[in-house]
């Protein structure tokens, strides 16, 4: 035996068996101050998805989420802090590991663990973002073929093809709507 087993189930994945990704649910307000959500239509596969992609070496997950969102949607953006339940402690605070409500947090609000073809796991960290400018062109890489569009939040959730994206979008909606009213500036 090479050490004791942990009391709770643990699984170790080495670097060749996982890929770290980050994505976001991108919001903006329309002319009437109503929240809209950006949805990507993949022109080749004919599916509607949220922006996400692989983290580059040396890049933080937050940086990857903002970069991938910009590349795939064409919209410059930034993280959108909100009040959320998290287990992440404040900086330099040693506290009990249990969920609590953090104010103005820009932490991941969800994580997706997706099995990869050929044995492996894709780990997707999800963030909230808000558009900071108008849509720019030619931001996608050669392998990407997306059309991005902002639509009312409930329409965006209905349009999404996959159930896990719908779950992520619903939680994002709940966080943003509960935190920001029509008069708040994001």
C-alpha atoms as a PDB file:
ATOM      1  CA  UNK A   1       0.000   0.000   0.000  1.00  0.00           C
ATOM      2  CA  UNK A   2       1.335   3.413  -0.963  1.00  0.00           C
ATOM      3  CA  UNK A   3      -0.435   5.697   1.529  1.00  0.00           C
ATOM      4  CA  UNK A   4      -3.844   5.827   3.096  1.00  0.00           C
ATOM      5  CA  UNK A   5      -7.046   6.183   1.119  1.00  0.00           C
ATOM      6  CA  UNK A   6      -8.882   9.462   1.683  1.00  0.00           C
ATOM      7  CA  UNK A   7     -12.078   9.229   3.727  1.00  0.00           C
ATOM      8  CA  UNK A   8     -14.030  10.819   0.842  1.00  0.00           C
ATOM      9  CA  UNK A   9     -13.855   9.583  -2.753  1.00  0.00           C
ATOM     10  CA  UNK A  10     -11.074  11.252  -4.787  1.00  0.00           C
ATOM     11  CA  UNK A  11     -10.112  10.903  -8.447  1.00  0.00           C
ATOM     12  CA  UNK A  12      -6.783  12.093  -9.839  1.00  0.00           C
ATOM     13  CA  UNK A  13      -6.534  13.196 -13.481  1.00  0.00           C
ATOM     14  CA  UNK A  14      -3.108  13.902 -14.950  1.00  0.00           C
ATOM     15  CA  UNK A  15      -2.569  16.704 -17.492  1.00  0.00           C
ATOM     16  CA  UNK A  16      -3.013  14.509 -20.567  1.00  0.00           C
ATOM     17  CA  UNK A  17      -6.480  13.471 -19.369  1.00  0.00           C
ATOM     18  CA  UNK A  18      -8.108  16.877 -18.860  1.00  0.00           C
ATOM     19  CA  UNK A  19      -8.499  20.229 -20.524  1.00  0.00           C
ATOM     20  CA  UNK A  20      -9.297  23.408 -18.610  1.00  0.00           C
ATOM     21  CA  UNK A  21     -11.813  25.677 -20.311  1.00  0.00           C
ATOM     22  CA  UNK A  22     -13.613  28.855 -19.382  1.00  0.00           C
ATOM     23  CA  UNK A  23     -16.731  30.501 -20.689  1.00  0.00           C
ATOM     24  CA  UNK A  24     -19.234  33.111 -19.767  1.00  0.00           C
ATOM     25  CA  UNK A  25     -22.807  34.188 -19.973  1.00  0.00           C
ATOM     26  CA  UNK A  26     -22.565  37.588 -21.646  1.00  0.00           C
ATOM     27  CA  UNK A  27     -25.140  40.247 -20.732  1.00  0.00           C
ATOM     28  CA  UNK A  28     -26.004  43.774 -21.799  1.00  0.00           C
ATOM     29  CA  UNK A  29     -28.985  46.073 -21.408  1.00  0.00           C
ATOM     30  CA  UNK A  30     -31.169  47.119 -24.323  1.00  0.00           C
ATOM     31  CA  UNK A  31     -32.440  50.661 -24.969  1.00  0.00           C
ATOM     32  CA  UNK A  32     -35.258  50.107 -22.439  1.00  0.00           C
ATOM     33  CA  UNK A  33     -32.758  48.931 -19.768  1.00  0.00           C
ATOM     34  CA  UNK A  34     -33.855  45.270 -20.003  1.00  0.00           C
ATOM     35  CA  UNK A  35     -31.226  42.575 -19.720  1.00  0.00           C
ATOM     36  CA  UNK A  36     -30.244  40.660 -22.848  1.00  0.00           C
ATOM     37  CA  UNK A  37     -28.070  37.553 -23.145  1.00  0.00           C
ATOM     38  CA  UNK A  38     -25.720  36.723 -26.015  1.00  0.00           C
ATOM     39  CA  UNK A  39     -26.211  33.397 -27.786  1.00  0.00           C
ATOM     40  CA  UNK A  40     -23.894  31.855 -30.368  1.00  0.00           C
ATOM     41  CA  UNK A  41     -25.290  30.077 -33.410  1.00  0.00           C
ATOM     42  CA  UNK A  42     -22.743  27.606 -34.782  1.00  0.00           C
ATOM     43  CA  UNK A  43     -23.267  27.926 -38.526  1.00  0.00           C
ATOM     44  CA  UNK A  44     -21.816  24.503 -39.359  1.00  0.00           C
ATOM     45  CA  UNK A  45     -23.299  22.342 -36.599  1.00  0.00           C
ATOM     46  CA  UNK A  46     -26.557  24.354 -36.394  1.00  0.00           C
ATOM     47  CA  UNK A  47     -26.570  24.482 -32.595  1.00  0.00           C
ATOM     48  CA  UNK A  48     -27.002  27.401 -30.179  1.00  0.00           C
ATOM     49  CA  UNK A  49     -24.403  27.580 -27.402  1.00  0.00           C
ATOM     50  CA  UNK A  50     -22.682  29.849 -24.885  1.00  0.00           C
ATOM     51  CA  UNK A  51     -19.173  31.202 -25.542  1.00  0.00           C
ATOM     52  CA  UNK A  52     -16.347  29.110 -24.076  1.00  0.00           C
ATOM     53  CA  UNK A  53     -12.976  27.689 -24.964  1.00  0.00           C
ATOM     54  CA  UNK A  54      -9.667  26.310 -23.786  1.00  0.00           C
ATOM     55  CA  UNK A  55      -7.496  28.206 -21.347  1.00  0.00           C
ATOM     56  CA  UNK A  56      -4.077  29.072 -22.770  1.00  0.00           C
ATOM     57  CA  UNK A  57      -0.950  28.188 -20.802  1.00  0.00           C
ATOM     58  CA  UNK A  58      -0.098  30.957 -18.344  1.00  0.00           C
ATOM     59  CA  UNK A  59      -3.580  32.461 -18.555  1.00  0.00           C
ATOM     60  CA  UNK A  60      -5.990  32.594 -15.612  1.00  0.00           C
ATOM     61  CA  UNK A  61      -9.455  31.111 -15.950  1.00  0.00           C
ATOM     62  CA  UNK A  62     -10.930  34.632 -15.620  1.00  0.00           C
ATOM     63  CA  UNK A  63      -8.726  35.913 -18.451  1.00  0.00           C
ATOM     64  CA  UNK A  64      -9.665  32.915 -20.596  1.00  0.00           C
ATOM     65  CA  UNK A  65     -13.389  33.473 -20.027  1.00  0.00           C
ATOM     66  CA  UNK A  66     -13.167  37.126 -21.090  1.00  0.00           C
ATOM     67  CA  UNK A  67     -10.885  36.358 -24.069  1.00  0.00           C
ATOM     68  CA  UNK A  68     -12.943  33.425 -25.351  1.00  0.00           C
ATOM     69  CA  UNK A  69     -16.164  35.399 -24.986  1.00  0.00           C
ATOM     70  CA  UNK A  70     -14.682  38.290 -26.963  1.00  0.00           C
ATOM     71  CA  UNK A  71     -13.192  36.030 -29.645  1.00  0.00           C
ATOM     72  CA  UNK A  72     -16.373  34.029 -30.207  1.00  0.00           C
ATOM     73  CA  UNK A  73     -18.959  36.827 -29.878  1.00  0.00           C
ATOM     74  CA  UNK A  74     -17.000  39.853 -31.113  1.00  0.00           C
ATOM     75  CA  UNK A  75     -18.119  41.867 -28.066  1.00  0.00           C
ATOM     76  CA  UNK A  76     -15.497  43.373 -25.757  1.00  0.00           C
ATOM     77  CA  UNK A  77     -16.493  42.503 -22.203  1.00  0.00           C
ATOM     78  CA  UNK A  78     -15.468  42.358 -18.573  1.00  0.00           C
ATOM     79  CA  UNK A  79     -16.384  40.207 -15.595  1.00  0.00           C
ATOM     80  CA  UNK A  80     -19.722  41.131 -14.004  1.00  0.00           C
ATOM     81  CA  UNK A  81     -19.484  40.896 -10.194  1.00  0.00           C
ATOM     82  CA  UNK A  82     -22.587  39.860  -8.301  1.00  0.00           C
ATOM     83  CA  UNK A  83     -23.709  38.501  -4.961  1.00  0.00           C
ATOM     84  CA  UNK A  84     -23.434  34.734  -5.084  1.00  0.00           C
ATOM     85  CA  UNK A  85     -23.199  31.711  -2.875  1.00  0.00           C
ATOM     86  CA  UNK A  86     -19.656  30.376  -2.943  1.00  0.00           C
ATOM     87  CA  UNK A  87     -17.216  28.292  -0.937  1.00  0.00           C
ATOM     88  CA  UNK A  88     -14.258  30.522  -1.897  1.00  0.00           C
ATOM     89  CA  UNK A  89     -13.011  32.461   1.129  1.00  0.00           C
ATOM     90  CA  UNK A  90     -12.169  36.153   0.962  1.00  0.00           C
ATOM     91  CA  UNK A  91      -8.451  36.884   0.411  1.00  0.00           C
ATOM     92  CA  UNK A  92      -6.249  35.997   3.397  1.00  0.00           C
ATOM     93  CA  UNK A  93      -9.159  34.652   5.471  1.00  0.00           C
ATOM     94  CA  UNK A  94      -9.089  31.200   7.000  1.00  0.00           C
ATOM     95  CA  UNK A  95     -12.700  30.123   7.393  1.00  0.00           C
ATOM     96  CA  UNK A  96     -14.795  26.993   7.555  1.00  0.00           C
ATOM     97  CA  UNK A  97     -15.357  25.325   4.171  1.00  0.00           C
ATOM     98  CA  UNK A  98     -19.070  25.906   3.714  1.00  0.00           C
ATOM     99  CA  UNK A  99     -21.231  27.922   1.335  1.00  0.00           C
ATOM    100  CA  UNK A 100     -21.859  31.577   2.163  1.00  0.00           C
ATOM    101  CA  UNK A 101     -23.076  34.629   0.245  1.00  0.00           C
ATOM    102  CA  UNK A 102     -20.209  36.752  -1.073  1.00  0.00           C
ATOM    103  CA  UNK A 103     -20.866  40.349  -2.087  1.00  0.00           C
ATOM    104  CA  UNK A 104     -19.689  41.564  -5.523  1.00  0.00           C
ATOM    105  CA  UNK A 105     -17.932  38.299  -6.345  1.00  0.00           C
ATOM    106  CA  UNK A 106     -16.398  37.678  -9.763  1.00  0.00           C
ATOM    107  CA  UNK A 107     -15.863  33.988  -9.078  1.00  0.00           C
ATOM    108  CA  UNK A 108     -16.990  31.152 -11.315  1.00  0.00           C
ATOM    109  CA  UNK A 109     -20.672  30.547 -10.599  1.00  0.00           C
ATOM    110  CA  UNK A 110     -20.729  27.077 -12.173  1.00  0.00           C
ATOM    111  CA  UNK A 111     -18.457  24.334 -13.433  1.00  0.00           C
ATOM    112  CA  UNK A 112     -19.243  21.745 -16.099  1.00  0.00           C
ATOM    113  CA  UNK A 113     -17.425  18.409 -16.178  1.00  0.00           C
ATOM    114  CA  UNK A 114     -17.796  16.967 -19.670  1.00  0.00           C
ATOM    115  CA  UNK A 115     -16.432  13.628 -20.823  1.00  0.00           C
ATOM    116  CA  UNK A 116     -14.141  13.865 -23.828  1.00  0.00           C
ATOM    117  CA  UNK A 117     -14.093  11.394 -26.680  1.00  0.00           C
ATOM    118  CA  UNK A 118     -11.096   9.143 -26.212  1.00  0.00           C
ATOM    119  CA  UNK A 119     -10.948   9.243 -22.410  1.00  0.00           C
ATOM    120  CA  UNK A 120     -10.592  12.544 -20.664  1.00  0.00           C
ATOM    121  CA  UNK A 121     -12.479  15.348 -18.995  1.00  0.00           C
ATOM    122  CA  UNK A 122     -13.216  18.886 -20.115  1.00  0.00           C
ATOM    123  CA  UNK A 123     -13.543  21.193 -17.087  1.00  0.00           C
ATOM    124  CA  UNK A 124     -15.451  24.389 -17.951  1.00  0.00           C
ATOM    125  CA  UNK A 125     -15.466  27.262 -15.439  1.00  0.00           C
ATOM    126  CA  UNK A 126     -18.418  29.615 -16.021  1.00  0.00           C
ATOM    127  CA  UNK A 127     -18.349  33.366 -15.302  1.00  0.00           C
ATOM    128  CA  UNK A 128     -20.732  36.288 -15.679  1.00  0.00           C
ATOM    129  CA  UNK A 129     -19.655  38.991 -18.129  1.00  0.00           C
ATOM    130  CA  UNK A 130     -21.085  42.252 -19.407  1.00  0.00           C
ATOM    131  CA  UNK A 131     -20.458  43.821 -22.821  1.00  0.00           C
ATOM    132  CA  UNK A 132     -18.330  46.980 -22.675  1.00  0.00           C
ATOM    133  CA  UNK A 133     -18.534  48.019 -26.321  1.00  0.00           C
ATOM    134  CA  UNK A 134     -20.037  47.371 -29.712  1.00  0.00           C
ATOM    135  CA  UNK A 135     -19.532  44.202 -31.735  1.00  0.00           C
ATOM    136  CA  UNK A 136     -16.218  43.948 -33.557  1.00  0.00           C
ATOM    137  CA  UNK A 137     -15.549  41.847 -36.643  1.00  0.00           C
ATOM    138  CA  UNK A 138     -12.921  39.210 -37.428  1.00  0.00           C
ATOM    139  CA  UNK A 139     -12.355  38.179 -33.796  1.00  0.00           C
ATOM    140  CA  UNK A 140     -12.903  34.437 -34.315  1.00  0.00           C
ATOM    141  CA  UNK A 141     -10.123  31.946 -34.978  1.00  0.00           C
ATOM    142  CA  UNK A 142     -10.032  29.959 -38.239  1.00  0.00           C
ATOM    143  CA  UNK A 143     -11.825  26.970 -36.706  1.00  0.00           C
ATOM    144  CA  UNK A 144     -14.738  29.014 -35.332  1.00  0.00           C
ATOM    145  CA  UNK A 145     -17.879  29.725 -37.331  1.00  0.00           C
ATOM    146  CA  UNK A 146     -20.308  31.493 -34.989  1.00  0.00           C
ATOM    147  CA  UNK A 147     -22.956  34.144 -35.410  1.00  0.00           C
ATOM    148  CA  UNK A 148     -23.524  35.999 -32.136  1.00  0.00           C
ATOM    149  CA  UNK A 149     -26.691  37.797 -31.185  1.00  0.00           C
ATOM    150  CA  UNK A 150     -28.094  39.484 -28.089  1.00  0.00           C
ATOM    151  CA  UNK A 151     -31.701  38.523 -27.388  1.00  0.00           C
ATOM    152  CA  UNK A 152     -34.026  38.888 -24.380  1.00  0.00           C
ATOM    153  CA  UNK A 153     -32.841  36.607 -21.578  1.00  0.00           C
ATOM    154  CA  UNK A 154     -35.796  34.188 -21.652  1.00  0.00           C
ATOM    155  CA  UNK A 155     -35.529  33.877 -25.451  1.00  0.00           C
ATOM    156  CA  UNK A 156     -31.817  33.108 -25.121  1.00  0.00           C
ATOM    157  CA  UNK A 157     -32.491  30.304 -22.657  1.00  0.00           C
ATOM    158  CA  UNK A 158     -35.118  28.821 -24.987  1.00  0.00           C
ATOM    159  CA  UNK A 159     -32.752  29.054 -27.988  1.00  0.00           C
ATOM    160  CA  UNK A 160     -29.855  27.203 -26.375  1.00  0.00           C
ATOM    161  CA  UNK A 161     -29.580  23.671 -27.740  1.00  0.00           C
ATOM    162  CA  UNK A 162     -28.065  21.744 -24.839  1.00  0.00           C
ATOM    163  CA  UNK A 163     -29.604  21.216 -21.407  1.00  0.00           C
ATOM    164  CA  UNK A 164     -26.371  21.963 -19.536  1.00  0.00           C
ATOM    165  CA  UNK A 165     -26.072  25.345 -21.306  1.00  0.00           C
ATOM    166  CA  UNK A 166     -29.699  26.065 -20.386  1.00  0.00           C
ATOM    167  CA  UNK A 167     -28.937  25.250 -16.729  1.00  0.00           C
ATOM    168  CA  UNK A 168     -25.906  27.569 -16.749  1.00  0.00           C
ATOM    169  CA  UNK A 169     -27.914  30.354 -18.421  1.00  0.00           C
ATOM    170  CA  UNK A 170     -30.785  30.018 -15.924  1.00  0.00           C
ATOM    171  CA  UNK A 171     -28.434  30.324 -12.950  1.00  0.00           C
ATOM    172  CA  UNK A 172     -26.722  33.317 -14.597  1.00  0.00           C
ATOM    173  CA  UNK A 173     -30.118  34.949 -15.145  1.00  0.00           C
ATOM    174  CA  UNK A 174     -31.085  34.384 -11.526  1.00  0.00           C
ATOM    175  CA  UNK A 175     -27.815  35.904 -10.258  1.00  0.00           C
ATOM    176  CA  UNK A 176     -27.902  38.969 -12.504  1.00  0.00           C
ATOM    177  CA  UNK A 177     -31.622  39.726 -12.178  1.00  0.00           C
ATOM    178  CA  UNK A 178     -31.503  39.423  -8.383  1.00  0.00           C
ATOM    179  CA  UNK A 179     -28.467  41.720  -8.168  1.00  0.00           C
ATOM    180  CA  UNK A 180     -29.125  44.413 -10.743  1.00  0.00           C
ATOM    181  CA  UNK A 181     -32.292  46.425 -11.194  1.00  0.00           C
ATOM    182  CA  UNK A 182     -33.194  48.454 -14.259  1.00  0.00           C
ATOM    183  CA  UNK A 183     -31.562  51.573 -12.788  1.00  0.00           C
ATOM    184  CA  UNK A 184     -28.243  49.962 -11.874  1.00  0.00           C
ATOM    185  CA  UNK A 185     -25.243  50.501 -14.078  1.00  0.00           C
ATOM    186  CA  UNK A 186     -23.380  47.289 -14.735  1.00  0.00           C
END
